[in-house]
Amino acid sequence: MSLFATPDEHAAHPPTTWKVVRAGTRHWTHATAGGVVIGGRYDRKRDAEAHLLTSSYARLWDQESRWYAGEPIDNWRPYAELLAERQTRDAWRGRDAPAEAGEAPPCEGISPRPSSN
């Protein structure tokens, strides 16, 4: 599991930039500066603030930093191996650049389904 898809995205969102946001009527959570919820559920804002830099998500961010840098992490496949696998897959697909998160692969030669109206 990783918090961010790329090393650049990871580096752009360190825990020191995270903030505490309301997650309901009486709950608080941690989010990136852009408002993307990281996680955690606290009943008091002060508890969420106290755990912002020591939460399991902050520890995961630290592990992910070391993983992107090439340090082996227990039970994680090396990042270099995953990157090589992604590049091989993209080359097989005939792509020059890696797929973006949520991007559907191109479907050439397939015409759209006719409308049934």
C-alpha atoms as a PDB file:
ATOM      1  CA  MET A   1       0.000   0.000   0.000  1.00  0.00           C
ATOM      2  CA  SER A   2       1.245   3.453  -0.727  1.00  0.00           C
ATOM      3  CA  LEU A   3      -0.270   6.854  -0.164  1.00  0.00           C
ATOM      4  CA  PHE A   4       0.816   8.430  -3.448  1.00  0.00           C
ATOM      5  CA  ALA A   5       1.237   7.000  -6.955  1.00  0.00           C
ATOM      6  CA  THR A   6       4.563   8.595  -7.922  1.00  0.00           C
ATOM      7  CA  PRO A   7       7.690   9.848  -6.155  1.00  0.00           C
ATOM      8  CA  ASP A   8       6.917  13.413  -7.301  1.00  0.00           C
ATOM      9  CA  GLU A   9       3.374  13.282  -5.910  1.00  0.00           C
ATOM     10  CA  HIS A  10       4.746  11.776  -2.707  1.00  0.00           C
ATOM     11  CA  ALA A  11       7.402  14.491  -2.314  1.00  0.00           C
ATOM     12  CA  ALA A  12       4.790  17.209  -2.895  1.00  0.00           C
ATOM     13  CA  HIS A  13       2.661  16.071   0.081  1.00  0.00           C
ATOM     14  CA  PRO A  14       4.814  15.576   3.218  1.00  0.00           C
ATOM     15  CA  PRO A  15       3.006  15.224   6.562  1.00  0.00           C
ATOM     16  CA  THR A  16       4.142  18.718   7.537  1.00  0.00           C
ATOM     17  CA  THR A  17       1.742  20.059   4.878  1.00  0.00           C
ATOM     18  CA  TRP A  18      -1.223  17.949   6.018  1.00  0.00           C
ATOM     19  CA  LYS A  19      -4.068  19.555   7.909  1.00  0.00           C
ATOM     20  CA  VAL A  20      -6.961  18.550  10.132  1.00  0.00           C
ATOM     21  CA  VAL A  21     -10.403  18.754   8.536  1.00  0.00           C
ATOM     22  CA  ARG A  22     -13.918  18.080   9.730  1.00  0.00           C
ATOM     23  CA  ALA A  23     -15.137  14.669   8.578  1.00  0.00           C
ATOM     24  CA  GLY A  24     -18.668  14.836   9.895  1.00  0.00           C
ATOM     25  CA  THR A  25     -20.723  16.438  12.599  1.00  0.00           C
ATOM     26  CA  ARG A  26     -18.434  15.296  15.413  1.00  0.00           C
ATOM     27  CA  HIS A  27     -15.383  13.784  13.720  1.00  0.00           C
ATOM     28  CA  TRP A  28     -12.030  15.014  12.396  1.00  0.00           C
ATOM     29  CA  THR A  29      -9.509  13.514   9.983  1.00  0.00           C
ATOM     30  CA  HIS A  30      -6.199  14.267   8.259  1.00  0.00           C
ATOM     31  CA  ALA A  31      -6.025  15.612   4.700  1.00  0.00           C
ATOM     32  CA  THR A  32      -3.412  16.923   2.277  1.00  0.00           C
ATOM     33  CA  ALA A  33      -3.132  20.668   1.744  1.00  0.00           C
ATOM     34  CA  GLY A  34      -5.274  20.149  -1.383  1.00  0.00           C
ATOM     35  CA  GLY A  35      -8.066  18.562   0.689  1.00  0.00           C
ATOM     36  CA  VAL A  36      -7.543  14.897  -0.244  1.00  0.00           C
ATOM     37  CA  VAL A  37      -8.372  12.826   2.849  1.00  0.00           C
ATOM     38  CA  ILE A  38      -5.412  10.772   4.083  1.00  0.00           C
ATOM     39  CA  GLY A  39      -7.184   9.031   6.942  1.00  0.00           C
ATOM     40  CA  GLY A  40      -7.701   8.825  10.651  1.00  0.00           C
ATOM     41  CA  ARG A  41     -10.860   9.406  12.658  1.00  0.00           C
ATOM     42  CA  TYR A  42     -10.859  11.497  15.774  1.00  0.00           C
ATOM     43  CA  ASP A  43     -13.671  12.688  18.013  1.00  0.00           C
ATOM     44  CA  ARG A  44     -11.816  15.857  19.003  1.00  0.00           C
ATOM     45  CA  LYS A  45      -9.970  18.278  16.767  1.00  0.00           C
ATOM     46  CA  ARG A  46      -7.166  18.630  19.310  1.00  0.00           C
ATOM     47  CA  ASP A  47      -6.599  14.820  19.235  1.00  0.00           C
ATOM     48  CA  ALA A  48      -6.377  14.890  15.441  1.00  0.00           C
ATOM     49  CA  GLU A  49      -3.912  17.775  15.628  1.00  0.00           C
ATOM     50  CA  ALA A  50      -1.823  16.003  18.273  1.00  0.00           C
ATOM     51  CA  HIS A  51      -1.494  12.884  16.115  1.00  0.00           C
ATOM     52  CA  LEU A  52      -0.996  14.600  12.759  1.00  0.00           C
ATOM     53  CA  LEU A  53       2.764  13.944  12.531  1.00  0.00           C
ATOM     54  CA  THR A  54       2.782  10.670  14.505  1.00  0.00           C
ATOM     55  CA  SER A  55      -0.169   8.862  12.931  1.00  0.00           C
ATOM     56  CA  SER A  56       0.145   5.541  11.131  1.00  0.00           C
ATOM     57  CA  TYR A  57      -0.256   7.512   7.887  1.00  0.00           C
ATOM     58  CA  ALA A  58       2.749   9.703   8.732  1.00  0.00           C
ATOM     59  CA  ARG A  59       4.764   6.535   9.453  1.00  0.00           C
ATOM     60  CA  LEU A  60       3.560   5.091   6.146  1.00  0.00           C
ATOM     61  CA  TRP A  61       4.677   8.274   4.367  1.00  0.00           C
ATOM     62  CA  ASP A  62       8.132   7.826   5.907  1.00  0.00           C
ATOM     63  CA  GLN A  63       8.284   4.178   4.782  1.00  0.00           C
ATOM     64  CA  GLU A  64       7.161   5.198   1.308  1.00  0.00           C
ATOM     65  CA  SER A  65       9.954   7.820   1.191  1.00  0.00           C
ATOM     66  CA  ARG A  66      12.539   5.164   1.926  1.00  0.00           C
ATOM     67  CA  TRP A  67      10.911   2.757  -0.561  1.00  0.00           C
ATOM     68  CA  TYR A  68      11.002   5.294  -3.398  1.00  0.00           C
ATOM     69  CA  ALA A  69      14.685   5.922  -2.521  1.00  0.00           C
ATOM     70  CA  GLY A  70      15.436   2.222  -3.037  1.00  0.00           C
ATOM     71  CA  GLU A  71      15.593   1.035   0.568  1.00  0.00           C
ATOM     72  CA  PRO A  72      14.050  -2.420   1.052  1.00  0.00           C
ATOM     73  CA  ILE A  73      10.882  -2.423   3.163  1.00  0.00           C
ATOM     74  CA  ASP A  74       9.630  -5.695   4.668  1.00  0.00           C
ATOM     75  CA  ASN A  75       6.842  -7.258   2.595  1.00  0.00           C
ATOM     76  CA  TRP A  76       7.065  -4.569  -0.144  1.00  0.00           C
ATOM     77  CA  ARG A  77       8.296  -5.303  -3.637  1.00  0.00           C
ATOM     78  CA  PRO A  78      11.201  -3.014  -4.568  1.00  0.00           C
ATOM     79  CA  TYR A  79      10.100   0.179  -6.305  1.00  0.00           C
ATOM     80  CA  ALA A  80      12.714  -0.313  -9.057  1.00  0.00           C
ATOM     81  CA  GLU A  81      11.159  -3.713  -9.846  1.00  0.00           C
ATOM     82  CA  LEU A  82       7.659  -2.247 -10.073  1.00  0.00           C
ATOM     83  CA  LEU A  83       8.895   0.641 -12.208  1.00  0.00           C
ATOM     84  CA  ALA A  84      10.624  -1.775 -14.634  1.00  0.00           C
ATOM     85  CA  GLU A  85       7.454  -3.867 -14.788  1.00  0.00           C
ATOM     86  CA  ARG A  86       5.379  -0.759 -15.566  1.00  0.00           C
ATOM     87  CA  GLN A  87       7.809   0.325 -18.297  1.00  0.00           C
ATOM     88  CA  THR A  88       7.710  -3.155 -19.856  1.00  0.00           C
ATOM     89  CA  ARG A  89       3.907  -3.128 -19.783  1.00  0.00           C
ATOM     90  CA  ASP A  90       3.748   0.342 -21.313  1.00  0.00           C
ATOM     91  CA  ALA A  91       6.225  -0.638 -24.048  1.00  0.00           C
ATOM     92  CA  TRP A  92       4.087  -3.673 -24.824  1.00  0.00           C
ATOM     93  CA  ARG A  93       1.062  -1.390 -25.140  1.00  0.00           C
ATOM     94  CA  GLY A  94       3.003   0.850 -27.499  1.00  0.00           C
ATOM     95  CA  ARG A  95       3.037   3.817 -25.148  1.00  0.00           C
ATOM     96  CA  ASP A  96       5.815   6.339 -24.728  1.00  0.00           C
ATOM     97  CA  ALA A  97       4.650   7.472 -21.303  1.00  0.00           C
ATOM     98  CA  PRO A  98       3.285   5.529 -18.327  1.00  0.00           C
ATOM     99  CA  ALA A  99      -0.465   5.413 -17.846  1.00  0.00           C
ATOM    100  CA  GLU A 100      -1.938   8.034 -15.561  1.00  0.00           C
ATOM    101  CA  ALA A 101      -3.971   6.909 -12.561  1.00  0.00           C
ATOM    102  CA  GLY A 102      -7.474   5.958 -13.663  1.00  0.00           C
ATOM    103  CA  GLU A 103      -6.652   6.229 -17.365  1.00  0.00           C
ATOM    104  CA  ALA A 104      -8.278   3.636 -19.605  1.00  0.00           C
ATOM    105  CA  PRO A 105      -6.019   2.072 -22.236  1.00  0.00           C
ATOM    106  CA  PRO A 106      -6.673   3.296 -25.778  1.00  0.00           C
ATOM    107  CA  CYS A 107      -9.019   1.163 -27.862  1.00  0.00           C
ATOM    108  CA  GLU A 108      -8.167   1.576 -31.503  1.00  0.00           C
ATOM    109  CA  GLY A 109     -10.341   0.168 -34.258  1.00  0.00           C
ATOM    110  CA  ILE A 110     -13.454  -0.196 -32.110  1.00  0.00           C
ATOM    111  CA  SER A 111     -16.440   1.822 -33.129  1.00  0.00           C
ATOM    112  CA  PRO A 112     -18.821   3.121 -30.477  1.00  0.00           C
ATOM    113  CA  ARG A 113     -21.978   1.150 -29.765  1.00  0.00           C
ATOM    114  CA  PRO A 114     -24.946   2.545 -31.676  1.00  0.00           C
ATOM    115  CA  SER A 115     -27.578   4.247 -29.605  1.00  0.00           C
ATOM    116  CA  SER A 116     -30.828   2.357 -29.001  1.00  0.00           C
ATOM    117  CA  ASN A 117     -33.059   5.430 -29.119  1.00  0.00           C
END
